[in-house]
């Protein structure tokens, strides 16, 4: 049975004067991944991990589509990882 966990991320992001947020880099442990493009963003709460009203960003990193989340109330970024139990 698959389980999911919330993975905290450090994200370098621009907070623009119009109120939008543009993530630029993902820092995970000692690795830095440059975000090539923000494809979309929407308010979406993944049902498999605990979270409160995050914004889901679909981004490309080295040509691969990834989903990262920003929780405005806690000012935290995270991703969701699936693992087998």
C-alpha atoms as a PDB file:
ATOM      1  CA  UNK A   1       0.000   0.000   0.000  1.00  0.00           C
ATOM      2  CA  UNK A   2       1.366   3.426  -0.959  1.00  0.00           C
ATOM      3  CA  UNK A   3       1.921   6.074   1.694  1.00  0.00           C
ATOM      4  CA  UNK A   4       2.734   9.734   1.252  1.00  0.00           C
ATOM      5  CA  UNK A   5       4.802  12.155   3.223  1.00  0.00           C
ATOM      6  CA  UNK A   6       5.277  15.890   3.224  1.00  0.00           C
ATOM      7  CA  UNK A   7       8.868  16.887   2.374  1.00  0.00           C
ATOM      8  CA  UNK A   8       9.937  20.373   3.510  1.00  0.00           C
ATOM      9  CA  UNK A   9      11.762  22.404   0.848  1.00  0.00           C
ATOM     10  CA  UNK A  10      13.892  25.522   0.823  1.00  0.00           C
ATOM     11  CA  UNK A  11      12.843  27.600  -2.164  1.00  0.00           C
ATOM     12  CA  UNK A  12      14.413  30.750  -3.545  1.00  0.00           C
ATOM     13  CA  UNK A  13      11.443  32.795  -4.765  1.00  0.00           C
ATOM     14  CA  UNK A  14      10.660  36.305  -5.940  1.00  0.00           C
ATOM     15  CA  UNK A  15       7.760  38.011  -4.210  1.00  0.00           C
ATOM     16  CA  UNK A  16       6.620  40.546  -6.814  1.00  0.00           C
ATOM     17  CA  UNK A  17       4.972  43.910  -6.163  1.00  0.00           C
ATOM     18  CA  UNK A  18       1.682  42.699  -7.690  1.00  0.00           C
ATOM     19  CA  UNK A  19       1.426  39.995  -5.001  1.00  0.00           C
ATOM     20  CA  UNK A  20       2.502  37.058  -7.143  1.00  0.00           C
ATOM     21  CA  UNK A  21       5.238  34.648  -6.131  1.00  0.00           C
ATOM     22  CA  UNK A  22       7.711  33.251  -8.640  1.00  0.00           C
ATOM     23  CA  UNK A  23       9.764  30.274  -7.383  1.00  0.00           C
ATOM     24  CA  UNK A  24      13.244  30.243  -8.939  1.00  0.00           C
ATOM     25  CA  UNK A  25      15.287  27.514  -7.237  1.00  0.00           C
ATOM     26  CA  UNK A  26      14.648  24.468  -5.061  1.00  0.00           C
ATOM     27  CA  UNK A  27      17.249  23.689  -2.419  1.00  0.00           C
ATOM     28  CA  UNK A  28      17.032  20.122  -1.145  1.00  0.00           C
ATOM     29  CA  UNK A  29      19.723  19.106   1.319  1.00  0.00           C
ATOM     30  CA  UNK A  30      22.985  20.126  -0.422  1.00  0.00           C
ATOM     31  CA  UNK A  31      21.601  20.247  -3.962  1.00  0.00           C
ATOM     32  CA  UNK A  32      20.240  23.281  -5.817  1.00  0.00           C
ATOM     33  CA  UNK A  33      17.798  22.771  -8.682  1.00  0.00           C
ATOM     34  CA  UNK A  34      16.981  25.696 -10.980  1.00  0.00           C
ATOM     35  CA  UNK A  35      13.328  26.010 -11.949  1.00  0.00           C
ATOM     36  CA  UNK A  36      13.215  26.377 -15.735  1.00  0.00           C
ATOM     37  CA  UNK A  37       9.589  27.478 -15.956  1.00  0.00           C
ATOM     38  CA  UNK A  38       6.465  27.922 -13.847  1.00  0.00           C
ATOM     39  CA  UNK A  39       3.760  26.161 -15.848  1.00  0.00           C
ATOM     40  CA  UNK A  40       0.822  26.933 -13.566  1.00  0.00           C
ATOM     41  CA  UNK A  41      -0.236  27.790 -10.053  1.00  0.00           C
ATOM     42  CA  UNK A  42      -3.563  27.286  -8.308  1.00  0.00           C
ATOM     43  CA  UNK A  43      -5.033  26.918  -4.860  1.00  0.00           C
ATOM     44  CA  UNK A  44      -5.008  23.176  -4.250  1.00  0.00           C
ATOM     45  CA  UNK A  45      -4.656  21.027  -1.161  1.00  0.00           C
ATOM     46  CA  UNK A  46      -3.256  17.526  -1.764  1.00  0.00           C
ATOM     47  CA  UNK A  47      -5.461  15.166   0.225  1.00  0.00           C
ATOM     48  CA  UNK A  48      -2.685  12.702   1.073  1.00  0.00           C
ATOM     49  CA  UNK A  49      -0.709  14.945   3.484  1.00  0.00           C
ATOM     50  CA  UNK A  50      -1.725  17.443   6.162  1.00  0.00           C
ATOM     51  CA  UNK A  51      -1.678  21.054   4.947  1.00  0.00           C
ATOM     52  CA  UNK A  52      -3.663  24.284   5.183  1.00  0.00           C
ATOM     53  CA  UNK A  53      -4.757  26.078   1.989  1.00  0.00           C
ATOM     54  CA  UNK A  54      -1.511  25.808  -0.026  1.00  0.00           C
ATOM     55  CA  UNK A  55      -0.822  27.082  -3.511  1.00  0.00           C
ATOM     56  CA  UNK A  56       0.273  24.304  -5.892  1.00  0.00           C
ATOM     57  CA  UNK A  57       2.962  25.275  -8.395  1.00  0.00           C
ATOM     58  CA  UNK A  58       3.606  23.059 -11.393  1.00  0.00           C
ATOM     59  CA  UNK A  59       7.177  23.766 -12.487  1.00  0.00           C
ATOM     60  CA  UNK A  60       9.780  22.243 -14.764  1.00  0.00           C
ATOM     61  CA  UNK A  61      13.214  21.371 -13.400  1.00  0.00           C
ATOM     62  CA  UNK A  62      15.719  20.160 -15.982  1.00  0.00           C
ATOM     63  CA  UNK A  63      12.804  19.490 -18.342  1.00  0.00           C
ATOM     64  CA  UNK A  64      10.853  17.374 -15.816  1.00  0.00           C
ATOM     65  CA  UNK A  65       7.480  18.515 -14.484  1.00  0.00           C
ATOM     66  CA  UNK A  66       7.276  18.753 -10.666  1.00  0.00           C
ATOM     67  CA  UNK A  67       4.664  19.940  -8.173  1.00  0.00           C
ATOM     68  CA  UNK A  68       5.678  22.069  -5.203  1.00  0.00           C
ATOM     69  CA  UNK A  69       3.425  23.734  -2.654  1.00  0.00           C
ATOM     70  CA  UNK A  70       3.535  27.013  -0.747  1.00  0.00           C
ATOM     71  CA  UNK A  71       1.548  27.445   2.468  1.00  0.00           C
ATOM     72  CA  UNK A  72       1.052  31.210   2.992  1.00  0.00           C
ATOM     73  CA  UNK A  73      -0.142  30.943   6.593  1.00  0.00           C
ATOM     74  CA  UNK A  74       3.056  29.168   7.705  1.00  0.00           C
ATOM     75  CA  UNK A  75       5.310  30.664   4.992  1.00  0.00           C
ATOM     76  CA  UNK A  76       6.579  27.140   4.190  1.00  0.00           C
ATOM     77  CA  UNK A  77       7.300  25.268   0.955  1.00  0.00           C
ATOM     78  CA  UNK A  78       6.922  21.493   0.579  1.00  0.00           C
ATOM     79  CA  UNK A  79       6.550  18.647  -1.880  1.00  0.00           C
ATOM     80  CA  UNK A  80       4.773  15.313  -1.557  1.00  0.00           C
ATOM     81  CA  UNK A  81       6.710  12.066  -1.761  1.00  0.00           C
ATOM     82  CA  UNK A  82       5.169   8.665  -2.343  1.00  0.00           C
ATOM     83  CA  UNK A  83       6.740   5.592  -0.811  1.00  0.00           C
ATOM     84  CA  UNK A  84       5.777   1.964  -0.446  1.00  0.00           C
ATOM     85  CA  UNK A  85       5.149   0.612   3.013  1.00  0.00           C
END
